[in-house]
């Protein structure tokens, strides 16, 4: 997949690569980490029959050299987890953010639909604030804590796979109840798109309005 093809198929969305200057507002390419072993290990994880599946922590990933490199080079020796998001998705659906950057390793070509946390006003943001970025298989990116993101979109038939590095415990179930209705899981604040009934039924705060963007490939 090329960004030129994606631009042609998705004229209503601003499309870039992670090497575009525009990505600097959202994250950075990581060049000093070799993803080959973790991409190979991800091949042992079966995709769901439909929809997406997220594993916060994958033991096989965390035994690899890259896990220690991410811990030291990206999180300054803080404990982190190496998980996996995979399956079939072409929609924006929601935006989330964490306290701490997220590390993404593209196991397949993927598209990240991103926006800036600062654009959220009174727990509302319009999907027109989105920018889309193509990551090619093997790309490693840091997505900053101030970047709204959600499950990647596939850029080819056969689904997608993306390794997800985060501070340890992120995206696991909460143990308490809190007044901030955006807090959806540990270290996970989330705004569901107004059309995402599945998330809304799970108690997610509705905060993304406008078109539920769909990536055509």
Protein backbone atom coordinates (compact mmCIF):
# COMPACT_ATOMS: atom_id res chain seq x y z
CA UNK A 1 0.00 0.00 0.00
CA UNK A 2 1.19 3.51 -0.78
CA UNK A 3 0.13 6.79 0.77
CA UNK A 4 -0.63 8.09 -2.73
CA UNK A 5 -3.23 5.34 -3.22
CA UNK A 6 -4.73 5.99 0.21
CA UNK A 7 -4.98 9.71 -0.54
CA UNK A 8 -6.80 8.96 -3.79
CA UNK A 9 -9.24 6.59 -2.10
CA UNK A 10 -9.82 8.81 0.94
CA UNK A 11 -9.95 12.39 -0.36
CA UNK A 12 -11.87 13.67 2.69
CA UNK A 13 -9.04 12.69 5.09
CA UNK A 14 -5.60 14.29 5.43
CA UNK A 15 -3.19 11.40 4.73
CA UNK A 16 0.51 11.23 5.54
CA UNK A 17 3.29 8.79 6.41
CA UNK A 18 5.20 8.73 9.68
CA UNK A 19 8.07 10.39 7.81
CA UNK A 20 5.89 13.38 6.92
CA UNK A 21 6.63 16.58 8.88
CA UNK A 22 3.04 16.50 10.13
CA UNK A 23 3.75 13.39 12.21
CA UNK A 24 6.08 15.38 14.47
CA UNK A 25 2.99 16.83 16.21
CA UNK A 26 1.82 13.32 17.11
CA UNK A 27 4.90 11.14 17.51
CA UNK A 28 8.22 10.08 16.06
CA UNK A 29 9.76 7.26 14.09
CA UNK A 30 12.06 5.02 16.20
CA UNK A 31 15.08 3.87 14.24
CA UNK A 32 17.33 2.24 16.86
CA UNK A 33 15.10 -0.77 17.62
CA UNK A 34 15.00 -3.86 15.38
CA UNK A 35 11.44 -5.23 15.16
CA UNK A 36 12.22 -8.42 13.21
CA UNK A 37 11.92 -10.88 16.11
CA UNK A 38 8.68 -9.48 17.48
CA UNK A 39 7.10 -9.36 14.03
CA UNK A 40 8.00 -13.03 13.64
CA UNK A 41 6.53 -13.87 17.06
CA UNK A 42 3.33 -12.00 16.20
CA UNK A 43 2.83 -14.44 13.34
CA UNK A 44 1.94 -17.11 15.91
CA UNK A 45 -1.09 -15.13 17.14
CA UNK A 46 -4.28 -16.00 15.30
CA UNK A 47 -6.48 -13.15 14.15
CA UNK A 48 -10.09 -13.12 15.36
CA UNK A 49 -12.74 -14.28 12.91
CA UNK A 50 -14.10 -10.73 12.83
CA UNK A 51 -13.55 -7.42 14.59
CA UNK A 52 -10.45 -6.69 16.64
CA UNK A 53 -8.69 -8.38 19.53
CA UNK A 54 -6.35 -6.70 21.99
CA UNK A 55 -3.90 -8.44 24.32
CA UNK A 56 -2.41 -5.94 26.82
CA UNK A 57 0.59 -8.18 27.52
CA UNK A 58 2.00 -11.07 25.46
CA UNK A 59 4.47 -13.24 27.33
CA UNK A 60 6.31 -14.33 24.17
CA UNK A 61 6.88 -10.68 23.23
CA UNK A 62 8.16 -9.73 26.66
CA UNK A 63 10.86 -12.42 26.56
CA UNK A 64 12.44 -10.84 23.48
CA UNK A 65 15.33 -8.39 23.39
CA UNK A 66 13.07 -5.67 21.99
CA UNK A 67 11.03 -5.61 25.20
CA UNK A 68 14.11 -4.61 27.21
CA UNK A 69 15.04 -2.05 24.55
CA UNK A 70 11.60 -0.47 24.68
CA UNK A 71 11.73 -0.41 28.48
CA UNK A 72 15.11 1.30 28.55
CA UNK A 73 15.10 3.49 25.44
CA UNK A 74 11.45 4.54 25.39
CA UNK A 75 10.39 4.47 29.03
CA UNK A 76 13.67 5.27 30.79
CA UNK A 77 13.77 1.92 32.63
CA UNK A 78 10.15 2.08 33.82
CA UNK A 79 8.22 -1.19 33.66
CA UNK A 80 6.23 -1.56 30.47
CA UNK A 81 4.19 -4.18 28.68
CA UNK A 82 4.32 -5.43 25.10
CA UNK A 83 0.88 -6.32 23.81
CA UNK A 84 -0.85 -6.93 20.52
CA UNK A 85 -3.82 -5.48 18.65
CA UNK A 86 -4.99 -7.37 15.59
CA UNK A 87 -7.99 -8.21 13.45
CA UNK A 88 -10.19 -6.35 11.03
CA UNK A 89 -11.02 -2.66 11.28
CA UNK A 90 -11.56 0.24 8.92
CA UNK A 91 -13.36 2.75 11.17
CA UNK A 92 -12.30 5.49 13.56
CA UNK A 93 -14.85 4.34 16.21
CA UNK A 94 -13.29 6.21 19.17
CA UNK A 95 -10.28 8.11 20.44
CA UNK A 96 -8.30 7.28 23.56
CA UNK A 97 -5.19 8.54 25.33
CA UNK A 98 -2.82 7.44 28.09
CA UNK A 99 -0.44 8.98 30.58
CA UNK A 100 2.74 8.00 28.74
CA UNK A 101 3.60 7.35 25.11
CA UNK A 102 2.49 4.29 23.19
CA UNK A 103 4.98 2.33 21.08
CA UNK A 104 3.59 0.81 17.87
CA UNK A 105 5.33 -1.82 15.75
CA UNK A 106 3.56 -2.37 12.44
CA UNK A 107 3.34 -6.12 11.85
CA UNK A 108 1.39 -5.35 8.67
CA UNK A 109 0.79 -2.09 6.88
CA UNK A 110 -1.58 -0.11 9.12
CA UNK A 111 -3.24 3.29 9.28
CA UNK A 112 -3.39 5.32 12.50
CA UNK A 113 -6.17 7.92 12.71
CA UNK A 114 -4.88 10.57 15.12
CA UNK A 115 -5.91 13.90 16.60
CA UNK A 116 -4.59 16.19 19.32
CA UNK A 117 -5.78 15.90 22.91
CA UNK A 118 -5.79 19.68 23.10
CA UNK A 119 -8.59 19.75 20.50
CA UNK A 120 -11.00 18.14 23.01
CA UNK A 121 -13.30 20.78 24.46
CA UNK A 122 -15.90 19.91 27.12
CA UNK A 123 -15.33 16.21 26.36
CA UNK A 124 -16.21 16.74 22.71
CA UNK A 125 -14.19 16.58 19.50
CA UNK A 126 -15.23 16.46 15.86
CA UNK A 127 -13.81 13.74 13.63
CA UNK A 128 -12.81 16.45 11.14
CA UNK A 129 -9.82 17.12 13.41
CA UNK A 130 -8.32 13.76 12.32
CA UNK A 131 -5.15 13.15 10.38
CA UNK A 132 -4.31 9.67 9.08
CA UNK A 133 -0.81 8.18 8.95
CA UNK A 134 0.40 5.11 7.07
CA UNK A 135 2.86 2.82 8.83
CA UNK A 136 4.48 0.22 6.63
CA UNK A 137 5.25 -3.27 7.91
CA UNK A 138 8.34 -3.00 10.13
CA UNK A 139 7.87 0.66 11.05
CA UNK A 140 8.33 1.45 14.74
CA UNK A 141 6.71 4.61 16.08
CA UNK A 142 6.26 6.40 19.38
CA UNK A 143 2.78 7.94 19.64
CA UNK A 144 2.91 10.72 22.18
CA UNK A 145 0.64 10.86 25.23
CA UNK A 146 -0.99 14.00 23.81
CA UNK A 147 -2.12 12.13 20.68
CA UNK A 148 -5.63 10.73 20.45
CA UNK A 149 -5.61 7.27 18.86
CA UNK A 150 -7.51 3.99 18.82
CA UNK A 151 -7.30 0.60 17.12
CA UNK A 152 -5.35 0.77 13.84
CA UNK A 153 -7.12 0.41 10.52
CA UNK A 154 -6.09 -2.22 8.03
CA UNK A 155 -4.45 -1.18 4.77
CA UNK A 156 -4.93 -4.45 2.94
CA UNK A 157 -7.15 -7.52 2.79
CA UNK A 158 -6.41 -10.09 5.49
CA UNK A 159 -6.61 -7.76 8.47
CA UNK A 160 -3.92 -5.99 10.48
CA UNK A 161 -1.45 -6.59 13.28
CA UNK A 162 0.22 -4.03 15.55
CA UNK A 163 2.47 -4.59 18.56
CA UNK A 164 1.57 -2.15 21.34
CA UNK A 165 4.04 -1.08 24.01
CA UNK A 166 2.64 0.83 27.01
CA UNK A 167 3.35 1.50 30.70
CA UNK A 168 2.73 -1.70 32.64
CA UNK A 169 -0.93 -2.27 33.55
CA UNK A 170 -2.37 0.07 30.94
CA UNK A 171 -5.70 -1.00 29.40
CA UNK A 172 -6.43 -3.51 32.16
CA UNK A 173 -9.68 -3.35 34.19
CA UNK A 174 -10.16 -0.60 36.75
CA UNK A 175 -10.40 -1.57 40.41
CA UNK A 176 -12.40 1.45 41.58
CA UNK A 177 -15.10 3.85 40.46
CA UNK A 178 -14.31 7.44 39.52
CA UNK A 179 -16.13 10.64 38.69
CA UNK A 180 -14.22 11.08 35.42
CA UNK A 181 -16.55 9.30 33.02
CA UNK A 182 -13.83 9.25 30.36
CA UNK A 183 -11.68 6.85 32.43
CA UNK A 184 -12.47 3.50 30.82
CA UNK A 185 -9.62 1.25 32.03
CA UNK A 186 -6.33 1.64 33.86
CA UNK A 187 -4.43 4.53 32.29
CA UNK A 188 -6.99 4.66 29.46
CA UNK A 189 -9.20 7.69 28.90
CA UNK A 190 -11.66 7.19 26.06
CA UNK A 191 -14.23 9.08 24.02
CA UNK A 192 -16.49 6.89 21.91
CA UNK A 193 -17.84 7.96 18.54
CA UNK A 194 -21.53 8.77 18.71
CA UNK A 195 -22.29 5.87 16.34
CA UNK A 196 -20.30 3.24 18.26
CA UNK A 197 -23.14 1.49 20.06
CA UNK A 198 -20.91 -1.36 21.26
CA UNK A 199 -18.62 0.93 23.25
CA UNK A 200 -21.46 3.13 24.44
CA UNK A 201 -23.26 0.06 25.79
CA UNK A 202 -20.09 -0.73 27.76
CA UNK A 203 -20.36 2.63 29.49
CA UNK A 204 -17.97 4.66 27.34
CA UNK A 205 -18.29 8.42 27.34
CA UNK A 206 -19.69 9.70 24.02
CA UNK A 207 -17.38 12.44 22.80
CA UNK A 208 -16.47 12.01 19.13
CA UNK A 209 -18.93 13.58 16.71
CA UNK A 210 -19.15 14.00 12.95
CA UNK A 211 -18.53 11.22 10.46
CA UNK A 212 -17.22 7.92 11.75
CA UNK A 213 -14.28 7.97 9.36
CA UNK A 214 -13.71 4.85 7.29
CA UNK A 215 -10.38 4.02 5.64
CA UNK A 216 -10.73 2.69 2.12
CA UNK A 217 -7.78 0.75 0.70
